[in-house]
Protein backbone atom coordinates (compact mmCIF):
# COMPACT_ATOMS: atom_id res chain seq x y z
CA MET A 1 -176.70 177.94 71.75
CA VAL A 2 -173.92 180.34 72.80
CA GLY A 3 -174.63 180.96 76.74
CA LYS A 4 -173.22 183.39 79.25
CA GLN A 5 -171.42 181.97 82.37
CA LYS A 6 -169.70 184.27 85.78
CA VAL A 7 -166.61 182.87 86.63
CA GLY A 8 -164.61 185.25 89.33
CA GLY A 9 -167.46 188.17 89.44
CA LYS A 10 -167.43 188.11 84.91
CA GLU A 11 -169.04 186.54 82.83
CA LYS A 12 -167.57 184.07 79.99
CA GLU A 13 -169.10 182.60 77.14
CA LYS A 14 -169.61 179.35 76.89
CA GLN A 15 -168.27 177.03 74.55
CA LEU A 16 -170.66 176.10 71.61
CA ARG A 17 -171.75 172.62 72.09
CA ASP A 18 -173.24 169.99 69.51
CA LYS A 19 -176.10 167.98 70.95
CA ASN A 20 -176.16 166.12 68.34
CA ALA A 21 -172.56 164.66 67.34
CA PRO A 22 -171.41 161.36 69.10
CA LYS A 23 -169.98 161.51 72.39
CA ILE A 24 -166.65 161.83 73.34
CA PRO A 25 -165.40 158.51 75.16
CA ILE A 26 -164.04 158.60 78.98
CA ASN A 27 -160.61 158.19 78.94
CA ALA A 28 -159.18 155.41 81.15
CA TYR A 29 -158.78 157.01 84.15
CA GLN A 30 -161.68 158.59 84.29
CA ARG A 31 -163.23 154.96 83.77
CA TYR A 32 -161.11 153.81 86.39
CA VAL A 33 -162.68 156.76 89.18
CA THR A 34 -165.85 155.79 87.80
CA HIS A 35 -165.30 152.21 88.89
CA ARG A 36 -163.83 153.26 92.64
CA LEU A 37 -166.80 155.33 93.17
CA LYS A 38 -168.97 152.33 92.06
CA GLU A 39 -167.06 150.80 94.84
CA SER A 40 -165.93 152.90 97.57
CA PRO A 41 -168.74 155.80 97.22
CA SER A 42 -166.51 158.75 97.77
CA LYS A 43 -168.03 159.79 101.17
CA LYS A 44 -165.37 156.67 103.06
CA PHE A 45 -162.75 159.16 101.67
CA GLY A 46 -164.11 162.58 103.19
CA THR A 47 -164.59 165.76 100.88
CA SER A 48 -165.04 164.85 96.54
CA ARG A 49 -161.52 166.90 96.78
CA GLU A 50 -159.62 163.95 98.97
CA ALA A 51 -161.41 161.20 96.33
CA MET A 52 -160.49 162.79 93.65
CA ALA A 53 -156.46 162.43 95.28
CA ASN A 54 -156.34 159.12 96.36
CA PHE A 55 -157.89 158.19 93.15
CA ALA A 56 -155.13 160.04 91.63
CA ALA A 57 -152.27 158.06 93.38
CA GLU A 58 -154.12 155.06 93.93
CA TRP A 59 -154.14 155.31 89.66
CA GLY A 60 -149.95 156.42 89.48
CA ALA A 61 -148.89 153.58 91.69
CA MET A 62 -151.09 151.07 89.58
CA GLU A 63 -149.12 148.26 87.36
CA PRO A 64 -149.75 148.88 84.07
CA GLN A 65 -151.79 145.09 83.47
CA ASN A 66 -153.76 146.69 85.70
CA LYS A 67 -154.45 150.08 84.00
CA LYS A 68 -154.51 147.79 80.67
CA PRO A 69 -157.84 146.86 80.77
CA PHE A 70 -160.04 150.28 81.57
CA PHE A 71 -157.25 151.54 78.37
CA ASP A 72 -158.60 148.37 76.60
CA GLU A 73 -161.96 149.28 77.41
CA TYR A 74 -161.30 153.14 75.86
CA ILE A 75 -159.26 152.17 73.50
CA ALA A 76 -162.42 150.40 71.53
CA GLU A 77 -164.97 152.95 72.57
CA ARG A 78 -162.47 155.66 70.83
CA ASN A 79 -162.37 153.50 67.41
CA GLU A 80 -166.17 153.46 67.88
CA TYR A 81 -165.85 157.36 68.30
CA SER A 82 -164.14 158.41 65.18
CA LYS A 83 -166.78 155.89 63.32
CA LYS A 84 -169.82 157.43 64.42
CA MET A 85 -167.76 160.77 63.89
CA GLU A 86 -166.66 160.25 60.20
CA ASP A 87 -170.20 159.55 59.24
CA TYR A 88 -171.37 162.35 61.20
CA LYS A 89 -169.72 165.05 59.24
CA LYS A 90 -171.35 163.73 56.70
CA THR A 91 -174.81 165.12 58.02
CA ALA A 92 -176.66 168.36 57.54
CA ASN A 93 -176.40 168.35 61.61
CA TYR A 94 -173.11 168.40 60.98
CA LYS A 95 -172.26 171.50 58.37
CA THR A 96 -175.43 173.87 60.37
CA PHE A 97 -173.03 173.43 63.86
CA GLN A 98 -170.14 174.30 61.65
CA MET A 99 -172.25 177.40 60.78
CA GLN A 100 -173.26 178.46 63.60
CA LYS A 101 -169.49 178.29 65.23
CA SER A 102 -168.37 179.90 62.20
CA ALA A 103 -171.02 182.64 63.01
CA LYS A 104 -169.66 183.00 66.68
CA ARG A 105 -166.48 183.43 65.76
CA LEU A 106 -167.46 186.57 62.78
CA LYS A 107 -168.93 188.02 65.86
CA LEU A 108 -165.92 188.11 67.99
CA THR A 109 -163.68 189.05 64.91
CA LYS A 110 -166.18 192.07 64.41
CA GLY A 111 -166.27 193.58 68.49
CA HIS A 112 -169.97 192.61 69.11
CA SER A 113 -170.82 193.33 72.14
CA THR A 114 -171.42 190.26 74.21
CA THR A 115 -173.33 191.58 76.88
CA ALA A 116 -177.07 190.18 77.81
CA GLY A 117 -179.11 193.57 76.19
CA HIS A 118 -177.06 193.42 72.66
CA HIS A 119 -176.14 189.68 72.82
CA ARG A 120 -178.07 187.40 70.60
CA PRO A 121 -178.28 183.40 70.07
CA LEU A 122 -177.80 182.52 66.79
CA HIS A 123 -180.94 180.72 66.11
CA LEU A 124 -180.70 178.21 62.79
CA PRO A 125 -183.38 175.87 61.99
CA PRO A 126 -182.00 172.12 61.28
CA ASN A 127 -180.86 170.71 57.84
CA VAL A 128 -180.13 174.81 56.62
CA LYS A 129 -178.09 176.44 55.03
CA GLN A 130 -177.43 179.86 53.88
CA ILE A 131 -177.64 180.62 50.36
CA PHE A 132 -174.35 180.96 48.12
CA SER A 133 -172.75 180.23 51.32
CA ARG A 134 -169.38 177.32 50.37
CA GLU A 135 -171.36 174.77 52.05
CA PHE A 136 -174.52 175.31 50.78
CA LEU A 137 -172.72 175.00 47.28
CA GLU A 138 -170.81 172.00 47.55
CA TYR A 139 -173.70 170.51 49.38
CA ASN A 140 -175.89 171.50 46.17
CA LYS A 141 -173.44 169.77 43.64
CA SER A 142 -173.12 166.72 45.51
CA GLN A 143 -177.34 166.68 44.93
CA GLU A 144 -176.89 166.91 41.85
CA LYS A 145 -174.79 164.29 41.21
CA SER A 146 -176.69 162.07 43.34
CA MET A 147 -179.55 163.20 41.08
CA ARG A 148 -177.56 162.52 37.66
CA ASP A 149 -176.81 159.00 38.62
CA THR A 150 -180.04 157.98 39.56
CA ARG A 151 -181.82 159.29 36.18
CA ALA A 152 -178.24 157.58 34.54
CA GLN A 153 -179.52 154.53 36.78
CA ILE A 154 -182.61 154.16 35.90
CA SER A 155 -182.65 155.46 32.27
CA GLU A 156 -180.04 151.86 32.20
CA VAL A 157 -182.57 150.06 33.84
CA GLU A 158 -185.39 151.27 31.30
CA SER A 159 -183.05 150.53 28.41
CA GLN A 160 -183.02 146.61 30.02
CA ILE A 161 -186.98 146.21 30.36
CA GLU A 162 -187.41 147.37 26.94
CA LEU A 163 -184.53 145.51 25.37
CA LEU A 164 -186.60 142.29 27.35
CA ASP A 165 -189.76 142.85 26.18
CA GLN A 166 -188.91 142.55 22.85
CA ASN A 167 -186.99 139.08 23.11
CA ILE A 168 -190.13 138.41 24.82
CA ALA A 169 -192.28 139.72 21.95
CA SER A 170 -190.19 137.48 19.48
CA MET A 171 -189.93 134.28 22.26
CA ASN A 172 -194.18 134.44 21.96
CA ASP A 173 -193.48 134.83 18.11
CA GLN A 174 -191.58 131.92 17.31
CA MET A 175 -193.93 129.53 20.37
CA ARG A 176 -196.80 130.58 17.95
CA ALA A 177 -194.97 129.50 14.82
CA VAL A 178 -194.07 126.39 16.15
CA GLN A 179 -197.96 125.44 17.25
CA SER A 180 -198.97 126.71 13.86
CA ALA A 181 -196.66 124.00 11.80
CA THR A 182 -197.01 121.41 14.31
CA ARG A 183 -200.65 121.57 14.31
CA ALA A 184 -200.30 121.82 9.96
CA ASP A 185 -198.02 118.24 11.01
CA GLU A 186 -200.60 116.53 12.88
CA ALA A 187 -203.11 118.06 10.41
CA ALA A 188 -201.70 116.19 7.86
CA ILE A 189 -200.25 113.53 9.79
CA ALA A 190 -204.04 112.07 10.35
CA GLN A 191 -204.96 112.81 6.56
CA MET A 192 -202.36 110.41 5.28
CA GLY A 193 -203.48 108.00 8.23
CA ASP A 194 -207.15 108.01 6.56
CA LYS A 195 -205.62 107.32 3.11
CA MET A 196 -202.92 104.84 4.69
CA GLN A 197 -206.71 102.54 5.75
CA ARG A 198 -208.63 103.34 2.62
CA TRP A 199 -205.79 102.51 0.63
CA CYS A 200 -205.24 98.72 2.27
CA ARG A 201 -208.88 98.28 2.13
CA ILE A 202 -209.06 98.58 -1.66
CA VAL A 203 -206.46 96.46 -2.28
CA ARG A 204 -207.69 93.69 -0.20
CA GLU A 205 -210.97 94.31 -1.46
CA ALA A 206 -209.30 93.94 -4.80
CA LEU A 207 -207.47 90.69 -4.15
CA GLY A 208 -210.55 88.85 -2.93
CA MET A 209 -212.81 89.86 -6.27
CA ASP A 210 -213.43 87.44 -9.00
CA THR A 211 -215.44 88.89 -11.14
CA ASP A 212 -214.70 91.47 -13.37
CA ALA A 213 -217.54 93.56 -12.78
CA SER A 214 -216.79 93.59 -9.19
CA LEU A 215 -212.73 94.22 -10.09
CA GLU A 216 -214.01 97.69 -12.01
CA ALA A 217 -216.29 98.53 -8.56
CA VAL A 218 -212.94 98.23 -6.55
CA ILE A 219 -210.71 100.42 -9.46
CA GLU A 220 -212.91 103.16 -9.65
CA GLY A 221 -212.92 103.92 -5.50
CA ALA A 222 -209.35 103.64 -5.88
CA GLU A 223 -209.10 105.72 -9.06
CA ARG A 224 -211.13 108.15 -6.30
CA LEU A 225 -208.42 108.23 -3.57
CA MET A 226 -206.21 108.70 -6.67
CA ASP A 227 -207.58 112.19 -7.66
CA GLU A 228 -207.36 113.04 -3.81
CA ARG A 229 -204.00 112.68 -3.67
CA ASN A 230 -202.63 114.34 -6.92
CA ASP A 231 -204.06 117.86 -8.32
CA ALA A 232 -201.54 118.25 -10.80
CA VAL A 233 -200.94 117.55 -14.44
CA GLY A 234 -199.91 113.47 -14.90
CA ALA A 235 -202.99 112.13 -12.65
CA GLU A 236 -204.38 110.56 -15.50
CA THR A 237 -201.25 108.49 -16.21
CA GLN A 238 -201.17 107.36 -12.88
CA ARG A 239 -204.79 106.12 -12.70
CA ALA A 240 -204.11 104.39 -15.88
CA SER A 241 -200.97 102.64 -14.18
CA LEU A 242 -203.14 101.85 -11.65
CA ARG A 243 -205.76 100.09 -12.87
CA GLN A 244 -202.60 98.18 -14.88
CA ALA A 245 -201.45 97.11 -11.62
CA MET A 246 -204.70 95.97 -9.64
CA ARG A 247 -206.11 93.98 -12.93
CA LYS A 248 -203.07 92.17 -13.01
CA ALA A 249 -202.25 91.69 -9.10
CA ALA A 250 -206.21 90.35 -10.00
CA THR A 251 -205.57 88.06 -12.63
CA GLU A 252 -202.53 86.68 -10.55
CA GLU A 253 -204.51 86.26 -7.77
CA THR A 254 -207.32 83.97 -9.78
CA ASP A 255 -204.73 81.90 -11.53
CA GLU A 256 -203.20 80.82 -7.95
CA LYS A 257 -206.27 79.90 -6.78
CA THR A 258 -207.13 78.46 -9.69
CA ASN A 259 -203.68 76.14 -9.69
CA GLU A 260 -204.50 75.16 -5.67
CA GLN A 261 -208.20 73.76 -6.84
CA ARG A 262 -206.84 72.02 -9.76
CA GLN A 263 -203.60 70.65 -7.05
CA LYS A 264 -206.49 69.54 -4.86
CA LYS A 265 -209.22 67.31 -7.45
């Protein structure tokens, strides 16, 4: 806010001060004075003017190495202030304050009255920008660019999510196909194992038969098993070959047993 103060009986415009801006650090000499005031209150030196004169004389007589701690502290805070000020210049509060300064200069240029009756302080709500001003247009452009960048990022993320969903669906289909094939293989293996056991039982029974009637019954069982295994053309030929092979195996087994009995006699 712009105010007035009397200097030598005349009113003088106060300089605008940005209350939101970072605080300007005090210089090395001011730090020394603050340090001395804490050590020795000003009343020890008489009036404040006398104290300041004594401090100035002390500072002027000090060696550079004794002044260095105050300069180091000041430089460190000044660098920190510069960083904070750069960040503050990007805020809406800074732009609002600059607009206030511009408005004040404009009023002074046009010769507006500075009397209490005619002067009105400039009040602008925080973060408010005048439409069609340069600051507003620049701010609007930056906001539009930020929105475009955000939309582009959202679109890219959505595309990646869609691609991941497609990959997951494909992997699920492949897993279902593998599981189905595994179940089919397990069923086929179980069926083959069952038939192997039945074949082994038939062969053992055929080798142990001593009459044609018993052998014929075993052969019929083998033929039924063969029919289960072969549904295509040529099953009849396979059954004939099986019958011949089993009769031959049974005959050889019988002859072998007969020879063993003769040798024992």
